[in-house]
């Protein structure tokens, strides 16, 4: 499989060809109107927000952004710097939200933001997360929380993503304590003898450059390798196409702690999904009736 690279893709075609099909795609112009594009850079973050502190993956102490940016000059494939990742723009950089508008149309509507759902349940509505990484930085092989979808946009730098379809999960050694993570921490430097089934999985690679956005579909295993120091923005969402998978995943998560609560949460989510399907059908029927009247006149 080759990941398509599309521009000027209509909302309807995106949903039909990629979201409903649960297939990755690179969108070449989804953030073309973001003020951040062409404005944000490592030096810009260092100049304006250098005193902010965050903890990198695998580290115990926070580091200033200006010190972290300086350290990226020494990041290599052999000795990469740790990942500064999952920084919540709301509330840590709330003043930067206007630079990330308008919201990527393809990720709407997000049913987690539905009026039928508790406010900010699981995570703040329309949450954007900031990622900064240096050459050689990788992320563990995983699929995204709650079997949500994700749109990842590069503002500068390049990353290489490697995907595996959900059905390949049986070859990827999900961890016993957290099945969304693989025991294989780094597929770019792994022990094939320790994980022999990995050779049966089919990797799909795609590079993401500045101004480009990648759809990570529900349940797809993936990892990334930073090819050149990079700033990215990520935003998760749950579409109508994946509500059933999301509901089952939430049942699995709650069942680990409370089987009764898991059943209640699952029943509620099924009800929300049904309500949205009925609303969509009603809206479709209304449009069809109006079109019929226009043809009749």
C-alpha atoms as a PDB file:
ATOM      1  CA  UNK A   1       0.000   0.000   0.000  1.00  0.00           C
ATOM      2  CA  UNK A   2       1.167   3.505  -0.819  1.00  0.00           C
ATOM      3  CA  UNK A   3      -0.078   6.477   1.203  1.00  0.00           C
ATOM      4  CA  UNK A   4      -1.809   8.975  -1.079  1.00  0.00           C
ATOM      5  CA  UNK A   5      -0.759  12.627  -1.111  1.00  0.00           C
ATOM      6  CA  UNK A   6      -3.765  14.847  -1.867  1.00  0.00           C
ATOM      7  CA  UNK A   7      -4.470  18.543  -2.291  1.00  0.00           C
ATOM      8  CA  UNK A   8      -7.748  20.390  -2.766  1.00  0.00           C
ATOM      9  CA  UNK A   9      -9.541  17.331  -1.446  1.00  0.00           C
ATOM     10  CA  UNK A  10     -13.215  17.914  -0.824  1.00  0.00           C
ATOM     11  CA  UNK A  11     -14.654  17.193   2.592  1.00  0.00           C
ATOM     12  CA  UNK A  12     -17.005  14.594   1.094  1.00  0.00           C
ATOM     13  CA  UNK A  13     -14.220  12.795  -0.784  1.00  0.00           C
ATOM     14  CA  UNK A  14     -11.994  12.769   2.295  1.00  0.00           C
ATOM     15  CA  UNK A  15     -14.711  11.078   4.347  1.00  0.00           C
ATOM     16  CA  UNK A  16     -15.601   8.591   1.608  1.00  0.00           C
ATOM     17  CA  UNK A  17     -12.092   7.671   0.431  1.00  0.00           C
ATOM     18  CA  UNK A  18     -10.081   7.840   3.643  1.00  0.00           C
ATOM     19  CA  UNK A  19     -12.011   8.307   6.879  1.00  0.00           C
ATOM     20  CA  UNK A  20     -14.760   5.768   6.185  1.00  0.00           C
ATOM     21  CA  UNK A  21     -12.163   3.462   4.620  1.00  0.00           C
ATOM     22  CA  UNK A  22      -9.915   3.939   7.684  1.00  0.00           C
ATOM     23  CA  UNK A  23      -6.933   4.613   5.463  1.00  0.00           C
ATOM     24  CA  UNK A  24      -4.020   7.050   5.998  1.00  0.00           C
ATOM     25  CA  UNK A  25      -3.490  10.011   3.698  1.00  0.00           C
ATOM     26  CA  UNK A  26      -1.207  13.047   3.508  1.00  0.00           C
ATOM     27  CA  UNK A  27      -3.105  16.317   3.035  1.00  0.00           C
ATOM     28  CA  UNK A  28      -0.898  18.865   1.322  1.00  0.00           C
ATOM     29  CA  UNK A  29      -2.900  22.016   2.049  1.00  0.00           C
ATOM     30  CA  UNK A  30      -5.054  21.350   5.135  1.00  0.00           C
ATOM     31  CA  UNK A  31      -3.225  24.024   7.192  1.00  0.00           C
ATOM     32  CA  UNK A  32      -2.495  26.456   4.356  1.00  0.00           C
ATOM     33  CA  UNK A  33      -4.341  29.234   6.243  1.00  0.00           C
ATOM     34  CA  UNK A  34      -2.636  28.729   9.611  1.00  0.00           C
ATOM     35  CA  UNK A  35      -0.657  31.833  10.667  1.00  0.00           C
ATOM     36  CA  UNK A  36       1.795  29.453  12.379  1.00  0.00           C
ATOM     37  CA  UNK A  37       2.935  28.134   8.996  1.00  0.00           C
ATOM     38  CA  UNK A  38       6.009  30.122   8.045  1.00  0.00           C
ATOM     39  CA  UNK A  39       6.001  31.922  11.407  1.00  0.00           C
ATOM     40  CA  UNK A  40       6.872  29.203  13.882  1.00  0.00           C
ATOM     41  CA  UNK A  41      10.428  27.898  13.977  1.00  0.00           C
ATOM     42  CA  UNK A  42      12.809  26.573  16.595  1.00  0.00           C
ATOM     43  CA  UNK A  43      14.456  29.990  16.901  1.00  0.00           C
ATOM     44  CA  UNK A  44      11.040  31.655  17.180  1.00  0.00           C
ATOM     45  CA  UNK A  45      10.002  29.338  20.031  1.00  0.00           C
ATOM     46  CA  UNK A  46      13.355  29.918  21.717  1.00  0.00           C
ATOM     47  CA  UNK A  47      13.030  33.693  21.449  1.00  0.00           C
ATOM     48  CA  UNK A  48       9.420  34.011  22.591  1.00  0.00           C
ATOM     49  CA  UNK A  49       8.960  31.036  24.932  1.00  0.00           C
ATOM     50  CA  UNK A  50      12.484  30.038  25.904  1.00  0.00           C
ATOM     51  CA  UNK A  51      11.793  30.219  29.627  1.00  0.00           C
ATOM     52  CA  UNK A  52       8.923  27.694  29.536  1.00  0.00           C
ATOM     53  CA  UNK A  53       9.835  24.336  31.062  1.00  0.00           C
ATOM     54  CA  UNK A  54       8.635  20.862  30.099  1.00  0.00           C
ATOM     55  CA  UNK A  55       9.677  17.280  30.792  1.00  0.00           C
ATOM     56  CA  UNK A  56      10.861  15.268  27.779  1.00  0.00           C
ATOM     57  CA  UNK A  57       9.950  11.631  27.233  1.00  0.00           C
ATOM     58  CA  UNK A  58      12.066   9.403  29.451  1.00  0.00           C
ATOM     59  CA  UNK A  59      13.416  12.301  31.502  1.00  0.00           C
ATOM     60  CA  UNK A  60      12.661  13.128  35.154  1.00  0.00           C
ATOM     61  CA  UNK A  61      13.517  16.834  35.245  1.00  0.00           C
ATOM     62  CA  UNK A  62      12.027  19.692  33.237  1.00  0.00           C
ATOM     63  CA  UNK A  63      14.162  21.573  30.739  1.00  0.00           C
ATOM     64  CA  UNK A  64      13.757  25.111  29.403  1.00  0.00           C
ATOM     65  CA  UNK A  65      12.693  25.373  25.777  1.00  0.00           C
ATOM     66  CA  UNK A  66      15.687  27.549  24.888  1.00  0.00           C
ATOM     67  CA  UNK A  67      18.110  24.993  26.356  1.00  0.00           C
ATOM     68  CA  UNK A  68      16.262  22.185  24.586  1.00  0.00           C
ATOM     69  CA  UNK A  69      16.361  23.971  21.220  1.00  0.00           C
ATOM     70  CA  UNK A  70      20.098  24.567  21.627  1.00  0.00           C
ATOM     71  CA  UNK A  71      20.621  20.882  22.388  1.00  0.00           C
ATOM     72  CA  UNK A  72      18.969  19.822  19.121  1.00  0.00           C
ATOM     73  CA  UNK A  73      22.104  20.898  17.234  1.00  0.00           C
ATOM     74  CA  UNK A  74      23.794  17.795  18.653  1.00  0.00           C
ATOM     75  CA  UNK A  75      20.883  15.392  18.029  1.00  0.00           C
ATOM     76  CA  UNK A  76      21.850  12.587  15.641  1.00  0.00           C
ATOM     77  CA  UNK A  77      20.444   9.277  14.423  1.00  0.00           C
ATOM     78  CA  UNK A  78      23.026   7.514  16.601  1.00  0.00           C
ATOM     79  CA  UNK A  79      22.457   9.709  19.653  1.00  0.00           C
ATOM     80  CA  UNK A  80      19.066  11.477  19.433  1.00  0.00           C
ATOM     81  CA  UNK A  81      17.832  13.993  21.967  1.00  0.00           C
ATOM     82  CA  UNK A  82      14.726  13.034  24.000  1.00  0.00           C
ATOM     83  CA  UNK A  83      11.315  13.943  22.631  1.00  0.00           C
ATOM     84  CA  UNK A  84       9.583  17.083  23.941  1.00  0.00           C
ATOM     85  CA  UNK A  85       6.072  15.922  23.218  1.00  0.00           C
ATOM     86  CA  UNK A  86       2.354  16.029  24.111  1.00  0.00           C
ATOM     87  CA  UNK A  87       2.512  19.647  25.289  1.00  0.00           C
ATOM     88  CA  UNK A  88      -1.092  20.817  25.575  1.00  0.00           C
ATOM     89  CA  UNK A  89      -1.564  24.080  23.721  1.00  0.00           C
ATOM     90  CA  UNK A  90      -4.610  24.529  25.957  1.00  0.00           C
ATOM     91  CA  UNK A  91      -3.690  25.705  28.587  1.00  0.00           C
ATOM     92  CA  UNK A  92       0.125  25.826  28.307  1.00  0.00           C
ATOM     93  CA  UNK A  93       0.193  27.977  25.156  1.00  0.00           C
ATOM     94  CA  UNK A  94      -3.395  29.161  24.943  1.00  0.00           C
ATOM     95  CA  UNK A  95      -2.277  32.496  23.463  1.00  0.00           C
ATOM     96  CA  UNK A  96      -0.998  30.576  20.419  1.00  0.00           C
ATOM     97  CA  UNK A  97      -4.359  29.069  19.493  1.00  0.00           C
ATOM     98  CA  UNK A  98      -5.121  31.832  16.933  1.00  0.00           C
ATOM     99  CA  UNK A  99      -1.973  30.720  15.064  1.00  0.00           C
ATOM    100  CA  UNK A 100      -3.552  27.263  14.667  1.00  0.00           C
ATOM    101  CA  UNK A 101      -6.868  28.376  13.193  1.00  0.00           C
ATOM    102  CA  UNK A 102      -9.013  27.559  11.391  1.00  0.00           C
ATOM    103  CA  UNK A 103      -9.535  24.044  12.721  1.00  0.00           C
ATOM    104  CA  UNK A 104      -8.690  21.391  10.143  1.00  0.00           C
ATOM    105  CA  UNK A 105     -12.043  20.860   8.469  1.00  0.00           C
ATOM    106  CA  UNK A 106     -11.399  17.178   7.783  1.00  0.00           C
ATOM    107  CA  UNK A 107     -11.372  16.373  11.512  1.00  0.00           C
ATOM    108  CA  UNK A 108     -14.865  17.790  12.046  1.00  0.00           C
ATOM    109  CA  UNK A 109     -17.202  16.921  13.531  1.00  0.00           C
ATOM    110  CA  UNK A 110     -15.436  15.395  16.526  1.00  0.00           C
ATOM    111  CA  UNK A 111     -18.136  13.391  18.310  1.00  0.00           C
ATOM    112  CA  UNK A 112     -16.245  13.725  21.599  1.00  0.00           C
ATOM    113  CA  UNK A 113     -17.302  17.385  21.430  1.00  0.00           C
ATOM    114  CA  UNK A 114     -20.944  16.458  20.858  1.00  0.00           C
ATOM    115  CA  UNK A 115     -23.539  18.176  23.105  1.00  0.00           C
ATOM    116  CA  UNK A 116     -24.529  14.648  24.126  1.00  0.00           C
ATOM    117  CA  UNK A 117     -21.104  14.044  25.678  1.00  0.00           C
ATOM    118  CA  UNK A 118     -19.813  15.352  29.045  1.00  0.00           C
ATOM    119  CA  UNK A 119     -17.856  18.578  28.614  1.00  0.00           C
ATOM    120  CA  UNK A 120     -14.115  17.949  28.097  1.00  0.00           C
ATOM    121  CA  UNK A 121     -14.448  14.230  28.902  1.00  0.00           C
ATOM    122  CA  UNK A 122     -11.146  12.383  28.323  1.00  0.00           C
ATOM    123  CA  UNK A 123      -9.435  15.566  27.143  1.00  0.00           C
ATOM    124  CA  UNK A 124     -10.281  19.257  26.529  1.00  0.00           C
ATOM    125  CA  UNK A 125     -12.435  19.893  23.479  1.00  0.00           C
ATOM    126  CA  UNK A 126     -10.450  20.614  20.314  1.00  0.00           C
ATOM    127  CA  UNK A 127      -7.166  20.001  22.143  1.00  0.00           C
ATOM    128  CA  UNK A 128      -4.015  20.703  20.125  1.00  0.00           C
ATOM    129  CA  UNK A 129      -0.726  19.202  21.236  1.00  0.00           C
ATOM    130  CA  UNK A 130       2.762  20.482  20.452  1.00  0.00           C
ATOM    131  CA  UNK A 131       5.668  18.165  19.601  1.00  0.00           C
ATOM    132  CA  UNK A 132       9.318  19.208  19.209  1.00  0.00           C
ATOM    133  CA  UNK A 133      11.984  16.702  18.191  1.00  0.00           C
ATOM    134  CA  UNK A 134      15.530  16.507  16.867  1.00  0.00           C
ATOM    135  CA  UNK A 135      17.205  14.402  14.212  1.00  0.00           C
ATOM    136  CA  UNK A 136      16.989  10.712  15.049  1.00  0.00           C
ATOM    137  CA  UNK A 137      14.198  10.997  17.612  1.00  0.00           C
ATOM    138  CA  UNK A 138      11.678   8.166  17.516  1.00  0.00           C
ATOM    139  CA  UNK A 139       8.411   7.398  19.278  1.00  0.00           C
ATOM    140  CA  UNK A 140       7.383   3.950  20.556  1.00  0.00           C
ATOM    141  CA  UNK A 141       5.287   1.805  18.239  1.00  0.00           C
ATOM    142  CA  UNK A 142       1.632   2.224  19.302  1.00  0.00           C
ATOM    143  CA  UNK A 143      -1.900   2.974  18.257  1.00  0.00           C
ATOM    144  CA  UNK A 144      -3.587   6.122  19.556  1.00  0.00           C
ATOM    145  CA  UNK A 145      -5.600   6.325  22.774  1.00  0.00           C
ATOM    146  CA  UNK A 146      -9.251   5.201  22.650  1.00  0.00           C
ATOM    147  CA  UNK A 147      -8.826   4.139  18.987  1.00  0.00           C
ATOM    148  CA  UNK A 148      -9.269   7.771  18.042  1.00  0.00           C
ATOM    149  CA  UNK A 149      -8.066   9.233  14.747  1.00  0.00           C
ATOM    150  CA  UNK A 150      -5.358  11.863  14.631  1.00  0.00           C
ATOM    151  CA  UNK A 151      -4.263  14.638  12.322  1.00  0.00           C
ATOM    152  CA  UNK A 152      -0.569  15.536  12.614  1.00  0.00           C
ATOM    153  CA  UNK A 153       0.669  18.722  10.940  1.00  0.00           C
ATOM    154  CA  UNK A 154       4.319  19.661  10.432  1.00  0.00           C
ATOM    155  CA  UNK A 155       5.174  23.345  10.785  1.00  0.00           C
ATOM    156  CA  UNK A 156       8.872  22.847  10.103  1.00  0.00           C
ATOM    157  CA  UNK A 157      11.219  19.910   9.624  1.00  0.00           C
ATOM    158  CA  UNK A 158      10.646  16.384   8.343  1.00  0.00           C
ATOM    159  CA  UNK A 159       9.446  13.121   9.870  1.00  0.00           C
ATOM    160  CA  UNK A 160       9.159   9.612   8.494  1.00  0.00           C
ATOM    161  CA  UNK A 161       6.112   7.690   9.680  1.00  0.00           C
ATOM    162  CA  UNK A 162       5.842   3.918   9.533  1.00  0.00           C
ATOM    163  CA  UNK A 163       2.330   2.436   9.671  1.00  0.00           C
ATOM    164  CA  UNK A 164       0.973  -1.046  10.269  1.00  0.00           C
ATOM    165  CA  UNK A 165      -2.664  -1.900   9.620  1.00  0.00           C
ATOM    166  CA  UNK A 166      -4.762  -2.869  12.678  1.00  0.00           C
ATOM    167  CA  UNK A 167      -4.832  -6.525  11.643  1.00  0.00           C
ATOM    168  CA  UNK A 168      -1.018  -6.601  11.865  1.00  0.00           C
ATOM    169  CA  UNK A 169      -1.244  -5.963  15.600  1.00  0.00           C
ATOM    170  CA  UNK A 170      -0.892  -9.715  16.287  1.00  0.00           C
ATOM    171  CA  UNK A 171       2.657  -9.507  14.895  1.00  0.00           C
ATOM    172  CA  UNK A 172       3.648  -6.384  16.824  1.00  0.00           C
ATOM    173  CA  UNK A 173       3.863  -7.774  20.364  1.00  0.00           C
ATOM    174  CA  UNK A 174       1.346  -5.608  22.280  1.00  0.00           C
ATOM    175  CA  UNK A 175       2.452  -5.158  25.867  1.00  0.00           C
ATOM    176  CA  UNK A 176       0.577  -7.159  28.484  1.00  0.00           C
ATOM    177  CA  UNK A 177       0.245  -4.128  30.769  1.00  0.00           C
ATOM    178  CA  UNK A 178      -0.860  -1.722  28.014  1.00  0.00           C
ATOM    179  CA  UNK A 179      -1.920  -3.245  24.719  1.00  0.00           C
ATOM    180  CA  UNK A 180      -1.823   0.025  22.778  1.00  0.00           C
ATOM    181  CA  UNK A 181       1.984  -0.060  23.099  1.00  0.00           C
ATOM    182  CA  UNK A 182       4.318  -2.564  21.467  1.00  0.00           C
ATOM    183  CA  UNK A 183       7.139  -4.343  23.259  1.00  0.00           C
ATOM    184  CA  UNK A 184       9.201  -3.236  20.248  1.00  0.00           C
ATOM    185  CA  UNK A 185      10.316   0.195  21.385  1.00  0.00           C
ATOM    186  CA  UNK A 186      12.214   1.153  18.238  1.00  0.00           C
ATOM    187  CA  UNK A 187      11.490  -0.660  14.961  1.00  0.00           C
ATOM    188  CA  UNK A 188      14.462   1.119  13.354  1.00  0.00           C
ATOM    189  CA  UNK A 189      16.848  -0.619  15.761  1.00  0.00           C
ATOM    190  CA  UNK A 190      15.306  -3.880  16.899  1.00  0.00           C
ATOM    191  CA  UNK A 191      16.242  -7.474  17.704  1.00  0.00           C
ATOM    192  CA  UNK A 192      14.607  -9.635  15.011  1.00  0.00           C
ATOM    193  CA  UNK A 193      15.430 -12.819  16.913  1.00  0.00           C
ATOM    194  CA  UNK A 194      13.577 -11.569  19.983  1.00  0.00           C
ATOM    195  CA  UNK A 195      10.507 -10.584  17.941  1.00  0.00           C
ATOM    196  CA  UNK A 196      10.375 -13.032  15.003  1.00  0.00           C
ATOM    197  CA  UNK A 197       6.688 -12.443  14.189  1.00  0.00           C
ATOM    198  CA  UNK A 198       7.461  -8.830  13.287  1.00  0.00           C
ATOM    199  CA  UNK A 199       8.678  -9.970   9.870  1.00  0.00           C
ATOM    200  CA  UNK A 200       5.096 -10.983   9.006  1.00  0.00           C
ATOM    201  CA  UNK A 201       3.802  -7.408   9.434  1.00  0.00           C
ATOM    202  CA  UNK A 202       3.682  -5.081   6.425  1.00  0.00           C
ATOM    203  CA  UNK A 203       5.255  -1.652   7.050  1.00  0.00           C
ATOM    204  CA  UNK A 204       3.960   1.355   5.132  1.00  0.00           C
ATOM    205  CA  UNK A 205       6.258   4.394   5.101  1.00  0.00           C
ATOM    206  CA  UNK A 206       5.495   8.013   4.323  1.00  0.00           C
ATOM    207  CA  UNK A 207       7.459  11.219   4.860  1.00  0.00           C
ATOM    208  CA  UNK A 208       5.815  14.365   6.200  1.00  0.00           C
ATOM    209  CA  UNK A 209       7.232  17.803   5.429  1.00  0.00           C
ATOM    210  CA  UNK A 210       6.453  21.436   6.332  1.00  0.00           C
ATOM    211  CA  UNK A 211       2.847  22.448   5.739  1.00  0.00           C
ATOM    212  CA  UNK A 212       1.677  18.851   5.346  1.00  0.00           C
ATOM    213  CA  UNK A 213      -0.876  17.011   7.463  1.00  0.00           C
ATOM    214  CA  UNK A 214      -1.115  13.268   8.039  1.00  0.00           C
ATOM    215  CA  UNK A 215      -4.282  11.375   8.910  1.00  0.00           C
ATOM    216  CA  UNK A 216      -3.528   8.582  11.384  1.00  0.00           C
ATOM    217  CA  UNK A 217      -6.621   6.362  11.182  1.00  0.00           C
ATOM    218  CA  UNK A 218      -8.294   4.584  14.071  1.00  0.00           C
ATOM    219  CA  UNK A 219      -6.384   1.590  15.429  1.00  0.00           C
ATOM    220  CA  UNK A 220      -3.427   1.882  13.040  1.00  0.00           C
ATOM    221  CA  UNK A 221      -0.089   1.103  14.657  1.00  0.00           C
ATOM    222  CA  UNK A 222       2.559   3.706  13.908  1.00  0.00           C
ATOM    223  CA  UNK A 223       5.869   5.184  14.872  1.00  0.00           C
ATOM    224  CA  UNK A 224       7.941   8.065  13.552  1.00  0.00           C
ATOM    225  CA  UNK A 225      11.570   8.943  12.961  1.00  0.00           C
ATOM    226  CA  UNK A 226      12.550  12.618  12.892  1.00  0.00           C
ATOM    227  CA  UNK A 227      14.719  13.231   9.838  1.00  0.00           C
ATOM    228  CA  UNK A 228      15.317  16.913  10.575  1.00  0.00           C
ATOM    229  CA  UNK A 229      14.479  18.915  13.716  1.00  0.00           C
ATOM    230  CA  UNK A 230      10.757  19.314  13.683  1.00  0.00           C
ATOM    231  CA  UNK A 231       7.774  21.171  15.170  1.00  0.00           C
ATOM    232  CA  UNK A 232       4.426  19.414  14.841  1.00  0.00           C
ATOM    233  CA  UNK A 233       0.860  19.905  16.016  1.00  0.00           C
ATOM    234  CA  UNK A 234      -1.384  16.932  16.707  1.00  0.00           C
ATOM    235  CA  UNK A 235      -5.128  16.773  17.305  1.00  0.00           C
ATOM    236  CA  UNK A 236      -7.215  13.662  17.977  1.00  0.00           C
ATOM    237  CA  UNK A 237     -10.879  13.192  17.092  1.00  0.00           C
ATOM    238  CA  UNK A 238     -13.528  10.479  16.913  1.00  0.00           C
ATOM    239  CA  UNK A 239     -15.662  10.397  13.766  1.00  0.00           C
ATOM    240  CA  UNK A 240     -18.992   8.703  13.194  1.00  0.00           C
ATOM    241  CA  UNK A 241     -17.145   6.032  11.212  1.00  0.00           C
ATOM    242  CA  UNK A 242     -15.143   4.975  14.270  1.00  0.00           C
ATOM    243  CA  UNK A 243     -17.641   5.489  17.093  1.00  0.00           C
ATOM    244  CA  UNK A 244     -18.265   1.753  17.465  1.00  0.00           C
ATOM    245  CA  UNK A 245     -14.530   1.003  17.726  1.00  0.00           C
ATOM    246  CA  UNK A 246     -14.158   3.855  20.203  1.00  0.00           C
ATOM    247  CA  UNK A 247     -17.072   2.562  22.302  1.00  0.00           C
ATOM    248  CA  UNK A 248     -15.621  -0.947  22.442  1.00  0.00           C
ATOM    249  CA  UNK A 249     -12.219   0.423  23.402  1.00  0.00           C
ATOM    250  CA  UNK A 250     -13.717   2.451  26.250  1.00  0.00           C
ATOM    251  CA  UNK A 251     -15.512  -0.683  27.470  1.00  0.00           C
ATOM    252  CA  UNK A 252     -12.193  -2.533  27.465  1.00  0.00           C
ATOM    253  CA  UNK A 253     -10.464   0.227  29.426  1.00  0.00           C
ATOM    254  CA  UNK A 254     -13.182   0.617  32.067  1.00  0.00           C
ATOM    255  CA  UNK A 255     -13.573  -3.161  32.452  1.00  0.00           C
ATOM    256  CA  UNK A 256     -10.038  -3.329  33.852  1.00  0.00           C
ATOM    257  CA  UNK A 257     -11.251  -1.466  36.933  1.00  0.00           C
ATOM    258  CA  UNK A 258     -15.032  -1.790  37.113  1.00  0.00           C
ATOM    259  CA  UNK A 259     -17.038  -4.218  34.937  1.00  0.00           C
ATOM    260  CA  UNK A 260     -20.288  -2.527  35.968  1.00  0.00           C
ATOM    261  CA  UNK A 261     -19.072   0.947  35.047  1.00  0.00           C
ATOM    262  CA  UNK A 262     -17.734  -0.451  31.784  1.00  0.00           C
ATOM    263  CA  UNK A 263     -21.224  -1.706  30.863  1.00  0.00           C
ATOM    264  CA  UNK A 264     -22.848   1.609  31.774  1.00  0.00           C
ATOM    265  CA  UNK A 265     -20.314   3.675  29.823  1.00  0.00           C
ATOM    266  CA  UNK A 266     -20.609   1.377  26.822  1.00  0.00           C
ATOM    267  CA  UNK A 267     -24.417   1.518  26.864  1.00  0.00           C
ATOM    268  CA  UNK A 268     -24.348   5.314  26.998  1.00  0.00           C
ATOM    269  CA  UNK A 269     -21.849   5.545  24.123  1.00  0.00           C
ATOM    270  CA  UNK A 270     -23.930   3.178  22.001  1.00  0.00           C
ATOM    271  CA  UNK A 271     -26.933   5.441  22.662  1.00  0.00           C
ATOM    272  CA  UNK A 272     -24.961   8.524  21.616  1.00  0.00           C
ATOM    273  CA  UNK A 273     -23.893   6.783  18.410  1.00  0.00           C
ATOM    274  CA  UNK A 274     -27.464   5.788  17.642  1.00  0.00           C
ATOM    275  CA  UNK A 275     -28.677   9.351  18.222  1.00  0.00           C
ATOM    276  CA  UNK A 276     -26.092  10.729  15.813  1.00  0.00           C
ATOM    277  CA  UNK A 277     -26.940   8.160  13.145  1.00  0.00           C
ATOM    278  CA  UNK A 278     -30.649   9.021  13.421  1.00  0.00           C
ATOM    279  CA  UNK A 279     -29.856  12.732  13.246  1.00  0.00           C
ATOM    280  CA  UNK A 280     -27.684  12.169  10.169  1.00  0.00           C
ATOM    281  CA  UNK A 281     -30.428  10.104   8.511  1.00  0.00           C
ATOM    282  CA  UNK A 282     -33.035  12.744   9.307  1.00  0.00           C
ATOM    283  CA  UNK A 283     -30.845  15.493   7.846  1.00  0.00           C
ATOM    284  CA  UNK A 284     -30.198  13.381   4.730  1.00  0.00           C
ATOM    285  CA  UNK A 285     -33.912  12.662   4.315  1.00  0.00           C
ATOM    286  CA  UNK A 286     -34.716  16.351   4.685  1.00  0.00           C
ATOM    287  CA  UNK A 287     -32.227  17.289   1.967  1.00  0.00           C
ATOM    288  CA  UNK A 288     -33.658  14.578  -0.302  1.00  0.00           C
ATOM    289  CA  UNK A 289     -37.217  15.881   0.196  1.00  0.00           C
ATOM    290  CA  UNK A 290     -36.170  19.457  -0.550  1.00  0.00           C
ATOM    291  CA  UNK A 291     -34.310  18.321  -3.677  1.00  0.00           C
ATOM    292  CA  UNK A 292     -37.381  16.365  -4.787  1.00  0.00           C
ATOM    293  CA  UNK A 293     -39.636  19.392  -4.362  1.00  0.00           C
ATOM    294  CA  UNK A 294     -37.249  21.519  -6.386  1.00  0.00           C
ATOM    295  CA  UNK A 295     -37.217  18.951  -9.201  1.00  0.00           C
ATOM    296  CA  UNK A 296     -41.021  18.746  -9.082  1.00  0.00           C
ATOM    297  CA  UNK A 297     -41.394  22.480  -9.385  1.00  0.00           C
END
